[in-house]
Amino acid sequence: MSFIDEEVERYAEEHSTPPLQLFERLAEETRSTQNVPQMMVGPIEGAFLSFVVGLKQPRLVLEIGTFTGWSSIAMASSLSTGARIITCDVNEETTAIARRYAEEAGVADRIEYLLGPAIETIAALEGPFDLVFIDADKPGYIDYYEAVLPKLATNGLILADNTLADGEVVAPSGEMSVAIHAFNEHVIADDRVECVLLSVRDGVTLIRRR
């Protein structure tokens, strides 16, 4: 999902290091089998996540919302030896797709897939998490944020996806934009953290403790 002009988006992709060829097949399969293929992070955001992981060098990453696996594979490809990702989702079918492509990419041993409601999954995990990527159901964002913040490492980073809600956050009306606007307001009012909302694809907010 992106509200950036298609030509500008294409130009950005052409001037970014291209993804592995398997991502093209992953995208094709996702578009042909899923009702909401726009949930994929895509080449630009995938590269961004990989770049952040390469810079941050986290030991433990938590991803909330696996979908078909583009983001977890991209992040896992930049992990250092011994580091790992825990990714959770409620959809067994899309998680199976994600696992299959992770195996093909040679990063499946760095990713632990957990099925079930994210809030329950987070409650059962100890952390501390060096990096958290939130990209699941939008009405749940505030709950996910509050659940992971106490388990964030001292220098940990939270990335929340879709925080521009296709540009509708400026005048929210639908369920997604209303939920995202509420999340954005919640974060900016939280004096425990500092944040920056980047206009990468559909918006990515970077959050860290003060």
N, C-alpha and C. Protein backbone atom coordinates (compact mmCIF):
# COMPACT_ATOMS: atom_id res chain seq x y z
N MET A 1 0.85 -1.19 0.00
CA MET A 1 0.00 0.00 0.00
C MET A 1 0.89 1.25 0.00
N SER A 2 0.61 2.16 -0.91
CA SER A 2 1.38 3.40 -0.96
C SER A 2 0.57 4.45 -1.68
N PHE A 3 0.61 5.70 -1.18
CA PHE A 3 -0.08 6.78 -1.86
C PHE A 3 0.91 7.68 -2.58
N ILE A 4 2.20 7.28 -2.61
CA ILE A 4 3.21 8.02 -3.35
C ILE A 4 2.96 7.81 -4.84
N ASP A 5 3.22 8.81 -5.63
CA ASP A 5 3.06 8.71 -7.07
C ASP A 5 3.80 7.48 -7.60
N GLU A 6 3.13 6.72 -8.48
CA GLU A 6 3.70 5.47 -8.97
C GLU A 6 5.04 5.67 -9.67
N GLU A 7 5.18 6.74 -10.44
CA GLU A 7 6.44 6.99 -11.13
C GLU A 7 7.56 7.29 -10.14
N VAL A 8 7.23 8.04 -9.09
CA VAL A 8 8.23 8.34 -8.06
C VAL A 8 8.62 7.06 -7.32
N GLU A 9 7.62 6.23 -7.01
CA GLU A 9 7.89 4.95 -6.35
C GLU A 9 8.79 4.08 -7.21
N ARG A 10 8.49 4.02 -8.50
CA ARG A 10 9.28 3.21 -9.41
C ARG A 10 10.71 3.76 -9.51
N TYR A 11 10.84 5.07 -9.54
CA TYR A 11 12.17 5.69 -9.59
C TYR A 11 12.96 5.32 -8.34
N ALA A 12 12.31 5.37 -7.18
CA ALA A 12 12.98 5.02 -5.93
C ALA A 12 13.43 3.56 -5.95
N GLU A 13 12.59 2.67 -6.47
CA GLU A 13 12.96 1.26 -6.57
C GLU A 13 14.15 1.06 -7.49
N GLU A 14 14.15 1.79 -8.61
CA GLU A 14 15.24 1.66 -9.58
C GLU A 14 16.56 2.17 -9.04
N HIS A 15 16.51 3.01 -8.02
CA HIS A 15 17.74 3.57 -7.45
C HIS A 15 17.99 3.06 -6.04
N SER A 16 17.47 1.88 -5.78
CA SER A 16 17.74 1.16 -4.53
C SER A 16 18.28 -0.21 -4.90
N THR A 17 19.13 -0.78 -4.06
CA THR A 17 19.65 -2.12 -4.32
C THR A 17 18.48 -3.07 -4.50
N PRO A 18 18.43 -3.80 -5.62
CA PRO A 18 17.26 -4.64 -5.89
C PRO A 18 17.18 -5.82 -4.94
N PRO A 19 15.96 -6.29 -4.67
CA PRO A 19 15.79 -7.45 -3.80
C PRO A 19 16.16 -8.74 -4.52
N LEU A 20 16.29 -9.81 -3.76
CA LEU A 20 16.54 -11.11 -4.35
C LEU A 20 15.39 -11.48 -5.28
N GLN A 21 15.70 -12.30 -6.29
CA GLN A 21 14.70 -12.68 -7.28
C GLN A 21 13.51 -13.41 -6.65
N LEU A 22 13.77 -14.13 -5.57
CA LEU A 22 12.67 -14.88 -4.96
C LEU A 22 11.55 -13.98 -4.44
N PHE A 23 11.89 -12.70 -4.14
CA PHE A 23 10.85 -11.78 -3.69
C PHE A 23 9.84 -11.49 -4.80
N GLU A 24 10.30 -11.52 -6.06
CA GLU A 24 9.37 -11.33 -7.18
C GLU A 24 8.37 -12.46 -7.22
N ARG A 25 8.85 -13.70 -7.01
CA ARG A 25 7.94 -14.84 -7.00
C ARG A 25 7.03 -14.83 -5.78
N LEU A 26 7.57 -14.39 -4.64
CA LEU A 26 6.75 -14.25 -3.44
C LEU A 26 5.63 -13.24 -3.68
N ALA A 27 5.96 -12.13 -4.32
CA ALA A 27 4.95 -11.10 -4.62
C ALA A 27 3.89 -11.64 -5.57
N GLU A 28 4.33 -12.39 -6.60
CA GLU A 28 3.38 -12.94 -7.57
C GLU A 28 2.43 -13.92 -6.90
N GLU A 29 2.97 -14.79 -6.04
CA GLU A 29 2.12 -15.77 -5.34
C GLU A 29 1.17 -15.07 -4.39
N THR A 30 1.66 -14.04 -3.71
CA THR A 30 0.80 -13.31 -2.77
C THR A 30 -0.34 -12.63 -3.51
N ARG A 31 -0.03 -12.00 -4.64
CA ARG A 31 -1.08 -11.32 -5.41
C ARG A 31 -2.12 -12.31 -5.96
N SER A 32 -1.69 -13.52 -6.29
CA SER A 32 -2.60 -14.49 -6.90
C SER A 32 -3.39 -15.29 -5.87
N THR A 33 -2.97 -15.29 -4.62
CA THR A 33 -3.65 -16.14 -3.63
C THR A 33 -4.29 -15.38 -2.49
N GLN A 34 -3.96 -14.11 -2.31
CA GLN A 34 -4.45 -13.37 -1.15
C GLN A 34 -5.39 -12.24 -1.55
N ASN A 35 -6.37 -11.97 -0.70
CA ASN A 35 -7.34 -10.91 -0.97
C ASN A 35 -6.77 -9.51 -0.78
N VAL A 36 -5.76 -9.40 0.08
CA VAL A 36 -5.17 -8.08 0.37
C VAL A 36 -3.65 -8.12 0.16
N PRO A 37 -3.20 -8.37 -1.09
CA PRO A 37 -1.76 -8.48 -1.34
C PRO A 37 -1.00 -7.20 -1.03
N GLN A 38 -1.71 -6.06 -0.96
CA GLN A 38 -1.04 -4.79 -0.65
C GLN A 38 -0.48 -4.77 0.77
N MET A 39 -0.77 -5.80 1.56
CA MET A 39 -0.19 -5.89 2.90
C MET A 39 1.30 -6.21 2.86
N MET A 40 1.80 -6.66 1.71
CA MET A 40 3.25 -6.88 1.57
C MET A 40 4.00 -5.57 1.75
N VAL A 41 5.18 -5.63 2.35
CA VAL A 41 5.94 -4.39 2.51
C VAL A 41 6.52 -3.90 1.18
N GLY A 42 6.84 -4.80 0.25
CA GLY A 42 7.34 -4.38 -1.05
C GLY A 42 8.83 -4.07 -1.05
N PRO A 43 9.39 -3.77 -2.25
CA PRO A 43 10.84 -3.60 -2.40
C PRO A 43 11.44 -2.47 -1.58
N ILE A 44 10.81 -1.30 -1.57
CA ILE A 44 11.41 -0.16 -0.87
C ILE A 44 11.42 -0.37 0.64
N GLU A 45 10.26 -0.73 1.18
CA GLU A 45 10.21 -0.90 2.63
C GLU A 45 10.99 -2.15 3.06
N GLY A 46 10.97 -3.18 2.24
CA GLY A 46 11.78 -4.35 2.55
C GLY A 46 13.25 -4.00 2.64
N ALA A 47 13.72 -3.20 1.68
CA ALA A 47 15.11 -2.76 1.70
C ALA A 47 15.39 -1.87 2.92
N PHE A 48 14.42 -1.04 3.26
CA PHE A 48 14.56 -0.17 4.43
C PHE A 48 14.70 -1.00 5.71
N LEU A 49 13.85 -2.00 5.87
CA LEU A 49 13.92 -2.85 7.06
C LEU A 49 15.24 -3.60 7.13
N SER A 50 15.67 -4.12 6.00
CA SER A 50 16.96 -4.81 5.95
C SER A 50 18.10 -3.87 6.33
N PHE A 51 18.02 -2.63 5.85
CA PHE A 51 19.05 -1.64 6.13
C PHE A 51 19.08 -1.30 7.62
N VAL A 52 17.89 -1.12 8.21
CA VAL A 52 17.81 -0.80 9.64
C VAL A 52 18.40 -1.93 10.48
N VAL A 53 18.08 -3.17 10.13
CA VAL A 53 18.63 -4.31 10.85
C VAL A 53 20.15 -4.36 10.70
N GLY A 54 20.63 -4.09 9.49
CA GLY A 54 22.07 -4.07 9.27
C GLY A 54 22.78 -3.02 10.11
N LEU A 55 22.14 -1.87 10.29
CA LEU A 55 22.72 -0.80 11.10
C LEU A 55 22.59 -1.09 12.59
N LYS A 56 21.42 -1.58 13.00
CA LYS A 56 21.10 -1.78 14.40
C LYS A 56 21.76 -3.03 14.98
N GLN A 57 21.91 -4.04 14.15
CA GLN A 57 22.47 -5.33 14.56
C GLN A 57 21.78 -5.87 15.82
N PRO A 58 20.46 -6.04 15.77
CA PRO A 58 19.73 -6.55 16.92
C PRO A 58 20.02 -8.03 17.16
N ARG A 59 19.92 -8.45 18.41
CA ARG A 59 20.07 -9.87 18.72
C ARG A 59 18.71 -10.58 18.72
N LEU A 60 17.66 -9.83 19.09
CA LEU A 60 16.33 -10.42 19.12
C LEU A 60 15.33 -9.43 18.52
N VAL A 61 14.64 -9.87 17.48
CA VAL A 61 13.65 -9.05 16.78
C VAL A 61 12.28 -9.68 16.98
N LEU A 62 11.28 -8.87 17.23
CA LEU A 62 9.90 -9.33 17.29
C LEU A 62 9.12 -8.68 16.16
N GLU A 63 8.47 -9.49 15.35
CA GLU A 63 7.60 -8.98 14.29
C GLU A 63 6.17 -9.37 14.61
N ILE A 64 5.29 -8.38 14.63
CA ILE A 64 3.87 -8.61 14.89
C ILE A 64 3.15 -8.47 13.56
N GLY A 65 2.80 -9.60 12.96
CA GLY A 65 2.17 -9.61 11.64
C GLY A 65 3.13 -10.18 10.60
N THR A 66 3.09 -11.49 10.38
CA THR A 66 4.01 -12.15 9.45
C THR A 66 3.60 -11.98 8.00
N PHE A 67 2.31 -12.11 7.73
CA PHE A 67 1.72 -12.18 6.40
C PHE A 67 2.48 -13.22 5.58
N THR A 68 2.89 -12.93 4.34
CA THR A 68 3.56 -13.95 3.52
C THR A 68 5.08 -13.87 3.62
N GLY A 69 5.60 -13.05 4.50
CA GLY A 69 7.00 -13.18 4.88
C GLY A 69 8.03 -12.24 4.30
N TRP A 70 7.63 -11.30 3.46
CA TRP A 70 8.63 -10.43 2.85
C TRP A 70 9.47 -9.73 3.93
N SER A 71 8.81 -9.12 4.90
CA SER A 71 9.53 -8.33 5.90
C SER A 71 10.45 -9.18 6.77
N SER A 72 9.97 -10.34 7.22
CA SER A 72 10.81 -11.17 8.08
C SER A 72 12.02 -11.71 7.33
N ILE A 73 11.83 -12.08 6.07
CA ILE A 73 12.96 -12.56 5.26
C ILE A 73 13.97 -11.44 5.04
N ALA A 74 13.47 -10.25 4.71
CA ALA A 74 14.35 -9.10 4.48
C ALA A 74 15.16 -8.78 5.73
N MET A 75 14.51 -8.79 6.90
CA MET A 75 15.23 -8.50 8.13
C MET A 75 16.20 -9.61 8.49
N ALA A 76 15.76 -10.86 8.32
CA ALA A 76 16.62 -12.00 8.66
C ALA A 76 17.89 -12.02 7.82
N SER A 77 17.79 -11.54 6.58
CA SER A 77 18.96 -11.55 5.68
C SER A 77 20.08 -10.64 6.18
N SER A 78 19.75 -9.69 7.08
CA SER A 78 20.77 -8.77 7.59
C SER A 78 21.16 -9.05 9.04
N LEU A 79 20.62 -10.12 9.62
CA LEU A 79 20.95 -10.45 11.00
C LEU A 79 22.38 -10.96 11.12
N SER A 80 23.01 -10.67 12.24
CA SER A 80 24.33 -11.20 12.50
C SER A 80 24.21 -12.64 13.02
N THR A 81 25.31 -13.35 13.07
CA THR A 81 25.32 -14.74 13.51
C THR A 81 24.76 -14.88 14.92
N GLY A 82 23.82 -15.79 15.08
CA GLY A 82 23.24 -16.04 16.39
C GLY A 82 22.02 -15.21 16.72
N ALA A 83 21.76 -14.17 15.93
CA ALA A 83 20.57 -13.33 16.15
C ALA A 83 19.35 -14.02 15.55
N ARG A 84 18.16 -13.65 16.02
CA ARG A 84 16.96 -14.31 15.53
C ARG A 84 15.75 -13.38 15.54
N ILE A 85 14.74 -13.80 14.79
CA ILE A 85 13.47 -13.10 14.69
C ILE A 85 12.37 -14.01 15.21
N ILE A 86 11.50 -13.47 16.04
CA ILE A 86 10.26 -14.14 16.39
C ILE A 86 9.15 -13.39 15.66
N THR A 87 8.41 -14.10 14.82
CA THR A 87 7.33 -13.45 14.08
C THR A 87 6.02 -14.15 14.37
N CYS A 88 4.98 -13.38 14.58
CA CYS A 88 3.70 -13.98 14.98
C CYS A 88 2.56 -13.51 14.09
N ASP A 89 1.59 -14.41 13.91
CA ASP A 89 0.43 -14.13 13.07
C ASP A 89 -0.67 -15.13 13.44
N VAL A 90 -1.89 -14.82 13.04
CA VAL A 90 -3.01 -15.74 13.31
C VAL A 90 -3.35 -16.58 12.10
N ASN A 91 -2.74 -16.28 10.95
CA ASN A 91 -3.11 -16.93 9.70
C ASN A 91 -2.12 -18.05 9.36
N GLU A 92 -2.60 -19.29 9.47
CA GLU A 92 -1.73 -20.45 9.21
C GLU A 92 -1.31 -20.54 7.75
N GLU A 93 -2.23 -20.19 6.83
CA GLU A 93 -1.94 -20.29 5.39
C GLU A 93 -0.82 -19.34 4.97
N THR A 94 -0.93 -18.07 5.35
CA THR A 94 0.11 -17.11 4.94
C THR A 94 1.42 -17.38 5.66
N THR A 95 1.35 -17.86 6.89
CA THR A 95 2.58 -18.20 7.61
C THR A 95 3.30 -19.35 6.92
N ALA A 96 2.56 -20.30 6.38
CA ALA A 96 3.17 -21.41 5.65
C ALA A 96 3.90 -20.91 4.41
N ILE A 97 3.31 -19.94 3.72
CA ILE A 97 3.98 -19.33 2.56
C ILE A 97 5.27 -18.66 3.01
N ALA A 98 5.19 -17.89 4.10
CA ALA A 98 6.36 -17.19 4.62
C ALA A 98 7.48 -18.17 4.96
N ARG A 99 7.12 -19.27 5.61
CA ARG A 99 8.12 -20.26 6.00
C ARG A 99 8.80 -20.89 4.77
N ARG A 100 7.99 -21.17 3.75
CA ARG A 100 8.52 -21.80 2.54
C ARG A 100 9.54 -20.91 1.85
N TYR A 101 9.24 -19.62 1.74
CA TYR A 101 10.18 -18.71 1.08
C TYR A 101 11.39 -18.43 1.96
N ALA A 102 11.22 -18.45 3.27
CA ALA A 102 12.36 -18.27 4.17
C ALA A 102 13.34 -19.43 4.03
N GLU A 103 12.79 -20.63 3.87
CA GLU A 103 13.65 -21.80 3.66
C GLU A 103 14.42 -21.66 2.34
N GLU A 104 13.73 -21.21 1.31
CA GLU A 104 14.40 -21.02 0.02
C GLU A 104 15.48 -19.95 0.10
N ALA A 105 15.23 -18.91 0.89
CA ALA A 105 16.20 -17.82 1.03
C ALA A 105 17.36 -18.20 1.95
N GLY A 106 17.24 -19.33 2.64
CA GLY A 106 18.31 -19.78 3.52
C GLY A 106 18.34 -19.08 4.86
N VAL A 107 17.19 -18.52 5.30
CA VAL A 107 17.16 -17.78 6.56
C VAL A 107 16.15 -18.38 7.56
N ALA A 108 15.55 -19.52 7.22
CA ALA A 108 14.51 -20.10 8.07
C ALA A 108 15.03 -20.43 9.47
N ASP A 109 16.33 -20.74 9.58
CA ASP A 109 16.88 -21.08 10.89
C ASP A 109 17.02 -19.86 11.80
N ARG A 110 16.82 -18.67 11.24
CA ARG A 110 16.90 -17.44 12.04
C ARG A 110 15.53 -16.92 12.45
N ILE A 111 14.47 -17.59 11.98
CA ILE A 111 13.11 -17.10 12.20
C ILE A 111 12.29 -18.15 12.95
N GLU A 112 11.64 -17.72 14.02
CA GLU A 112 10.71 -18.57 14.76
C GLU A 112 9.30 -18.08 14.48
N TYR A 113 8.45 -18.97 13.96
CA TYR A 113 7.08 -18.61 13.60
C TYR A 113 6.13 -19.06 14.71
N LEU A 114 5.34 -18.12 15.22
CA LEU A 114 4.37 -18.42 16.26
C LEU A 114 2.97 -18.06 15.77
N LEU A 115 2.05 -19.01 15.90
CA LEU A 115 0.66 -18.80 15.50
C LEU A 115 -0.20 -18.51 16.72
N GLY A 116 -1.09 -17.53 16.60
CA GLY A 116 -1.98 -17.19 17.69
C GLY A 116 -2.14 -15.68 17.81
N PRO A 117 -3.09 -15.24 18.62
CA PRO A 117 -3.29 -13.80 18.84
C PRO A 117 -2.02 -13.15 19.36
N ALA A 118 -1.65 -12.03 18.77
CA ALA A 118 -0.37 -11.40 19.10
C ALA A 118 -0.26 -11.00 20.56
N ILE A 119 -1.34 -10.50 21.15
CA ILE A 119 -1.29 -10.08 22.55
C ILE A 119 -0.93 -11.25 23.45
N GLU A 120 -1.51 -12.42 23.17
CA GLU A 120 -1.19 -13.61 23.96
C GLU A 120 0.25 -14.05 23.72
N THR A 121 0.71 -13.95 22.48
CA THR A 121 2.08 -14.32 22.15
C THR A 121 3.07 -13.41 22.86
N ILE A 122 2.84 -12.10 22.80
CA ILE A 122 3.73 -11.14 23.45
C ILE A 122 3.80 -11.39 24.96
N ALA A 123 2.65 -11.68 25.56
CA ALA A 123 2.60 -11.92 27.01
C ALA A 123 3.46 -13.11 27.41
N ALA A 124 3.59 -14.08 26.52
CA ALA A 124 4.35 -15.30 26.83
C ALA A 124 5.85 -15.16 26.54
N LEU A 125 6.25 -14.05 25.93
CA LEU A 125 7.66 -13.84 25.58
C LEU A 125 8.35 -12.96 26.62
N GLU A 126 9.62 -13.25 26.87
CA GLU A 126 10.35 -12.50 27.88
C GLU A 126 11.05 -11.27 27.33
N GLY A 127 11.56 -11.36 26.11
CA GLY A 127 12.39 -10.26 25.62
C GLY A 127 13.77 -10.37 26.26
N PRO A 128 14.53 -9.28 26.36
CA PRO A 128 14.19 -7.96 25.80
C PRO A 128 14.37 -7.94 24.28
N PHE A 129 13.55 -7.14 23.62
CA PHE A 129 13.59 -7.04 22.17
C PHE A 129 14.40 -5.83 21.76
N ASP A 130 15.35 -6.06 20.87
CA ASP A 130 16.18 -4.96 20.36
C ASP A 130 15.46 -4.20 19.25
N LEU A 131 14.56 -4.91 18.56
CA LEU A 131 13.80 -4.31 17.46
C LEU A 131 12.42 -4.96 17.41
N VAL A 132 11.40 -4.13 17.29
CA VAL A 132 10.02 -4.63 17.16
C VAL A 132 9.41 -3.99 15.92
N PHE A 133 8.83 -4.81 15.06
CA PHE A 133 8.15 -4.32 13.86
C PHE A 133 6.67 -4.64 13.99
N ILE A 134 5.83 -3.62 14.09
CA ILE A 134 4.39 -3.79 14.23
C ILE A 134 3.73 -3.58 12.87
N ASP A 135 3.10 -4.64 12.36
CA ASP A 135 2.45 -4.55 11.05
C ASP A 135 1.30 -5.55 11.00
N ALA A 136 0.37 -5.40 11.92
CA ALA A 136 -0.76 -6.32 12.02
C ALA A 136 -2.06 -5.52 11.95
N ASP A 137 -3.13 -6.04 12.56
CA ASP A 137 -4.42 -5.36 12.52
C ASP A 137 -4.31 -3.99 13.17
N LYS A 138 -4.78 -2.97 12.49
CA LYS A 138 -4.55 -1.59 12.92
C LYS A 138 -5.26 -1.23 14.23
N PRO A 139 -6.49 -1.72 14.48
CA PRO A 139 -7.12 -1.40 15.77
C PRO A 139 -6.33 -1.94 16.97
N GLY A 140 -5.45 -2.90 16.73
CA GLY A 140 -4.67 -3.47 17.82
C GLY A 140 -3.35 -2.77 18.09
N TYR A 141 -3.00 -1.75 17.30
CA TYR A 141 -1.68 -1.13 17.40
C TYR A 141 -1.37 -0.59 18.80
N ILE A 142 -2.30 0.10 19.42
CA ILE A 142 -2.02 0.69 20.73
C ILE A 142 -1.75 -0.42 21.75
N ASP A 143 -2.55 -1.48 21.70
CA ASP A 143 -2.35 -2.59 22.63
C ASP A 143 -1.00 -3.27 22.39
N TYR A 144 -0.62 -3.45 21.13
CA TYR A 144 0.67 -4.06 20.83
C TYR A 144 1.81 -3.18 21.33
N TYR A 145 1.69 -1.91 21.09
CA TYR A 145 2.71 -0.95 21.53
C TYR A 145 2.88 -1.00 23.05
N GLU A 146 1.78 -0.96 23.77
CA GLU A 146 1.85 -0.97 25.23
C GLU A 146 2.38 -2.31 25.75
N ALA A 147 2.11 -3.38 25.01
CA ALA A 147 2.58 -4.70 25.44
C ALA A 147 4.08 -4.88 25.22
N VAL A 148 4.61 -4.29 24.14
CA VAL A 148 6.04 -4.50 23.85
C VAL A 148 6.94 -3.47 24.51
N LEU A 149 6.43 -2.28 24.80
CA LEU A 149 7.30 -1.23 25.33
C LEU A 149 8.02 -1.65 26.62
N PRO A 150 7.35 -2.31 27.57
CA PRO A 150 8.07 -2.73 28.78
C PRO A 150 9.12 -3.81 28.51
N LYS A 151 9.01 -4.49 27.37
CA LYS A 151 9.95 -5.57 27.04
C LYS A 151 10.99 -5.13 26.02
N LEU A 152 11.03 -3.83 25.76
CA LEU A 152 12.00 -3.29 24.81
C LEU A 152 13.35 -3.15 25.49
N ALA A 153 14.42 -3.52 24.79
CA ALA A 153 15.77 -3.37 25.33
C ALA A 153 16.07 -1.89 25.57
N THR A 154 17.09 -1.62 26.37
CA THR A 154 17.43 -0.24 26.72
C THR A 154 17.57 0.65 25.50
N ASN A 155 18.24 0.16 24.49
CA ASN A 155 18.41 0.93 23.25
C ASN A 155 17.55 0.36 22.12
N GLY A 156 16.44 -0.24 22.49
CA GLY A 156 15.58 -0.88 21.51
C GLY A 156 14.81 0.11 20.65
N LEU A 157 14.30 -0.41 19.55
CA LEU A 157 13.60 0.41 18.57
C LEU A 157 12.31 -0.27 18.15
N ILE A 158 11.22 0.49 18.12
CA ILE A 158 9.95 0.00 17.60
C ILE A 158 9.70 0.66 16.25
N LEU A 159 9.33 -0.13 15.26
CA LEU A 159 8.90 0.39 13.96
C LEU A 159 7.45 0.01 13.76
N ALA A 160 6.60 0.99 13.51
CA ALA A 160 5.18 0.74 13.27
C ALA A 160 4.86 1.09 11.82
N ASP A 161 4.25 0.14 11.11
CA ASP A 161 3.99 0.31 9.68
C ASP A 161 2.61 0.92 9.43
N ASN A 162 2.46 1.49 8.23
CA ASN A 162 1.18 2.03 7.74
C ASN A 162 0.67 3.21 8.56
N THR A 163 1.57 3.98 9.12
CA THR A 163 1.14 5.06 10.02
C THR A 163 0.68 6.34 9.30
N LEU A 164 0.62 6.29 7.97
CA LEU A 164 -0.03 7.37 7.22
C LEU A 164 -1.38 6.92 6.66
N ALA A 165 -1.66 5.61 6.78
CA ALA A 165 -2.97 5.06 6.40
C ALA A 165 -3.44 5.55 5.03
N ASP A 166 -2.57 5.40 4.04
CA ASP A 166 -2.91 5.80 2.67
C ASP A 166 -3.22 7.28 2.57
N GLY A 167 -2.64 8.06 3.47
CA GLY A 167 -2.83 9.50 3.47
C GLY A 167 -4.10 9.96 4.18
N GLU A 168 -4.91 9.03 4.65
CA GLU A 168 -6.20 9.38 5.23
C GLU A 168 -6.11 9.84 6.69
N VAL A 169 -4.91 9.78 7.29
CA VAL A 169 -4.78 10.20 8.69
C VAL A 169 -5.06 11.69 8.88
N VAL A 170 -4.91 12.47 7.82
CA VAL A 170 -5.16 13.91 7.96
C VAL A 170 -6.65 14.21 8.14
N ALA A 171 -7.50 13.29 7.68
CA ALA A 171 -8.95 13.42 7.87
C ALA A 171 -9.52 12.01 8.02
N PRO A 172 -9.22 11.35 9.13
CA PRO A 172 -9.60 9.94 9.29
C PRO A 172 -11.10 9.73 9.29
N SER A 173 -11.52 8.65 8.61
CA SER A 173 -12.94 8.33 8.54
C SER A 173 -13.19 6.83 8.65
N GLY A 174 -12.48 6.03 7.86
CA GLY A 174 -12.65 4.58 7.91
C GLY A 174 -11.98 3.97 9.13
N GLU A 175 -12.23 2.68 9.34
CA GLU A 175 -11.72 1.99 10.53
C GLU A 175 -10.19 2.04 10.63
N MET A 176 -9.52 1.81 9.48
CA MET A 176 -8.06 1.79 9.50
C MET A 176 -7.49 3.16 9.85
N SER A 177 -7.95 4.20 9.15
CA SER A 177 -7.38 5.53 9.37
C SER A 177 -7.70 6.06 10.77
N VAL A 178 -8.90 5.75 11.28
CA VAL A 178 -9.25 6.17 12.64
C VAL A 178 -8.35 5.48 13.66
N ALA A 179 -8.11 4.18 13.47
CA ALA A 179 -7.25 3.44 14.39
C ALA A 179 -5.81 3.93 14.33
N ILE A 180 -5.31 4.17 13.12
CA ILE A 180 -3.93 4.64 12.98
C ILE A 180 -3.77 6.05 13.54
N HIS A 181 -4.75 6.91 13.30
CA HIS A 181 -4.70 8.26 13.86
C HIS A 181 -4.66 8.19 15.39
N ALA A 182 -5.47 7.31 15.97
CA ALA A 182 -5.48 7.15 17.43
C ALA A 182 -4.12 6.67 17.92
N PHE A 183 -3.52 5.74 17.19
CA PHE A 183 -2.18 5.26 17.56
C PHE A 183 -1.15 6.38 17.48
N ASN A 184 -1.17 7.13 16.37
CA ASN A 184 -0.21 8.22 16.21
C ASN A 184 -0.34 9.24 17.33
N GLU A 185 -1.57 9.56 17.69
CA GLU A 185 -1.79 10.52 18.79
C GLU A 185 -1.32 9.94 20.12
N HIS A 186 -1.53 8.66 20.30
CA HIS A 186 -1.10 7.98 21.54
C HIS A 186 0.42 8.06 21.69
N VAL A 187 1.12 7.79 20.60
CA VAL A 187 2.58 7.78 20.66
C VAL A 187 3.16 9.18 20.86
N ILE A 188 2.65 10.15 20.12
CA ILE A 188 3.21 11.50 20.22
C ILE A 188 2.94 12.11 21.60
N ALA A 189 1.91 11.62 22.29
CA ALA A 189 1.59 12.13 23.62
C ALA A 189 2.30 11.37 24.73
N ASP A 190 3.03 10.32 24.37
CA ASP A 190 3.69 9.48 25.36
C ASP A 190 5.06 10.05 25.69
N ASP A 191 5.23 10.60 26.88
CA ASP A 191 6.50 11.24 27.23
C ASP A 191 7.60 10.24 27.58
N ARG A 192 7.29 8.94 27.47
CA ARG A 192 8.32 7.93 27.69
C ARG A 192 9.20 7.72 26.46
N VAL A 193 8.71 8.21 25.30
CA VAL A 193 9.40 7.91 24.05
C VAL A 193 9.59 9.15 23.20
N GLU A 194 10.43 8.99 22.17
CA GLU A 194 10.52 9.97 21.10
C GLU A 194 10.30 9.22 19.80
N CYS A 195 9.79 9.92 18.78
CA CYS A 195 9.42 9.23 17.56
C CYS A 195 9.61 10.12 16.35
N VAL A 196 9.68 9.47 15.19
CA VAL A 196 9.68 10.20 13.92
C VAL A 196 8.86 9.38 12.93
N LEU A 197 7.91 10.03 12.28
CA LEU A 197 7.06 9.37 11.29
C LEU A 197 7.64 9.66 9.91
N LEU A 198 8.11 8.61 9.26
CA LEU A 198 8.72 8.73 7.94
C LEU A 198 7.70 8.40 6.86
N SER A 199 7.78 9.11 5.75
CA SER A 199 6.86 8.86 4.64
C SER A 199 7.43 7.79 3.71
N VAL A 200 7.90 6.69 4.28
CA VAL A 200 8.35 5.53 3.50
C VAL A 200 7.12 4.71 3.16
N ARG A 201 6.87 4.56 1.88
CA ARG A 201 5.70 3.83 1.38
C ARG A 201 4.43 4.35 2.03
N ASP A 202 3.84 3.64 2.98
CA ASP A 202 2.59 4.10 3.59
C ASP A 202 2.81 4.65 5.00
N GLY A 203 4.04 5.03 5.27
CA GLY A 203 4.37 5.60 6.57
C GLY A 203 4.95 4.57 7.52
N VAL A 204 6.12 4.86 8.06
CA VAL A 204 6.74 4.02 9.09
C VAL A 204 7.16 4.94 10.23
N THR A 205 6.70 4.65 11.44
CA THR A 205 7.08 5.44 12.59
C THR A 205 8.17 4.72 13.38
N LEU A 206 9.26 5.43 13.65
CA LEU A 206 10.35 4.91 14.45
C LEU A 206 10.19 5.45 15.87
N ILE A 207 10.25 4.57 16.85
CA ILE A 207 9.99 4.93 18.24
C ILE A 207 11.09 4.36 19.12
N ARG A 208 11.60 5.19 20.03
CA ARG A 208 12.55 4.70 21.02
C ARG A 208 12.31 5.42 22.35
N ARG A 209 12.77 4.78 23.41
CA ARG A 209 12.63 5.40 24.73
C ARG A 209 13.50 6.64 24.84
N ARG A 210 13.02 7.59 25.62
CA ARG A 210 13.83 8.78 25.89
C ARG A 210 14.99 8.42 26.81
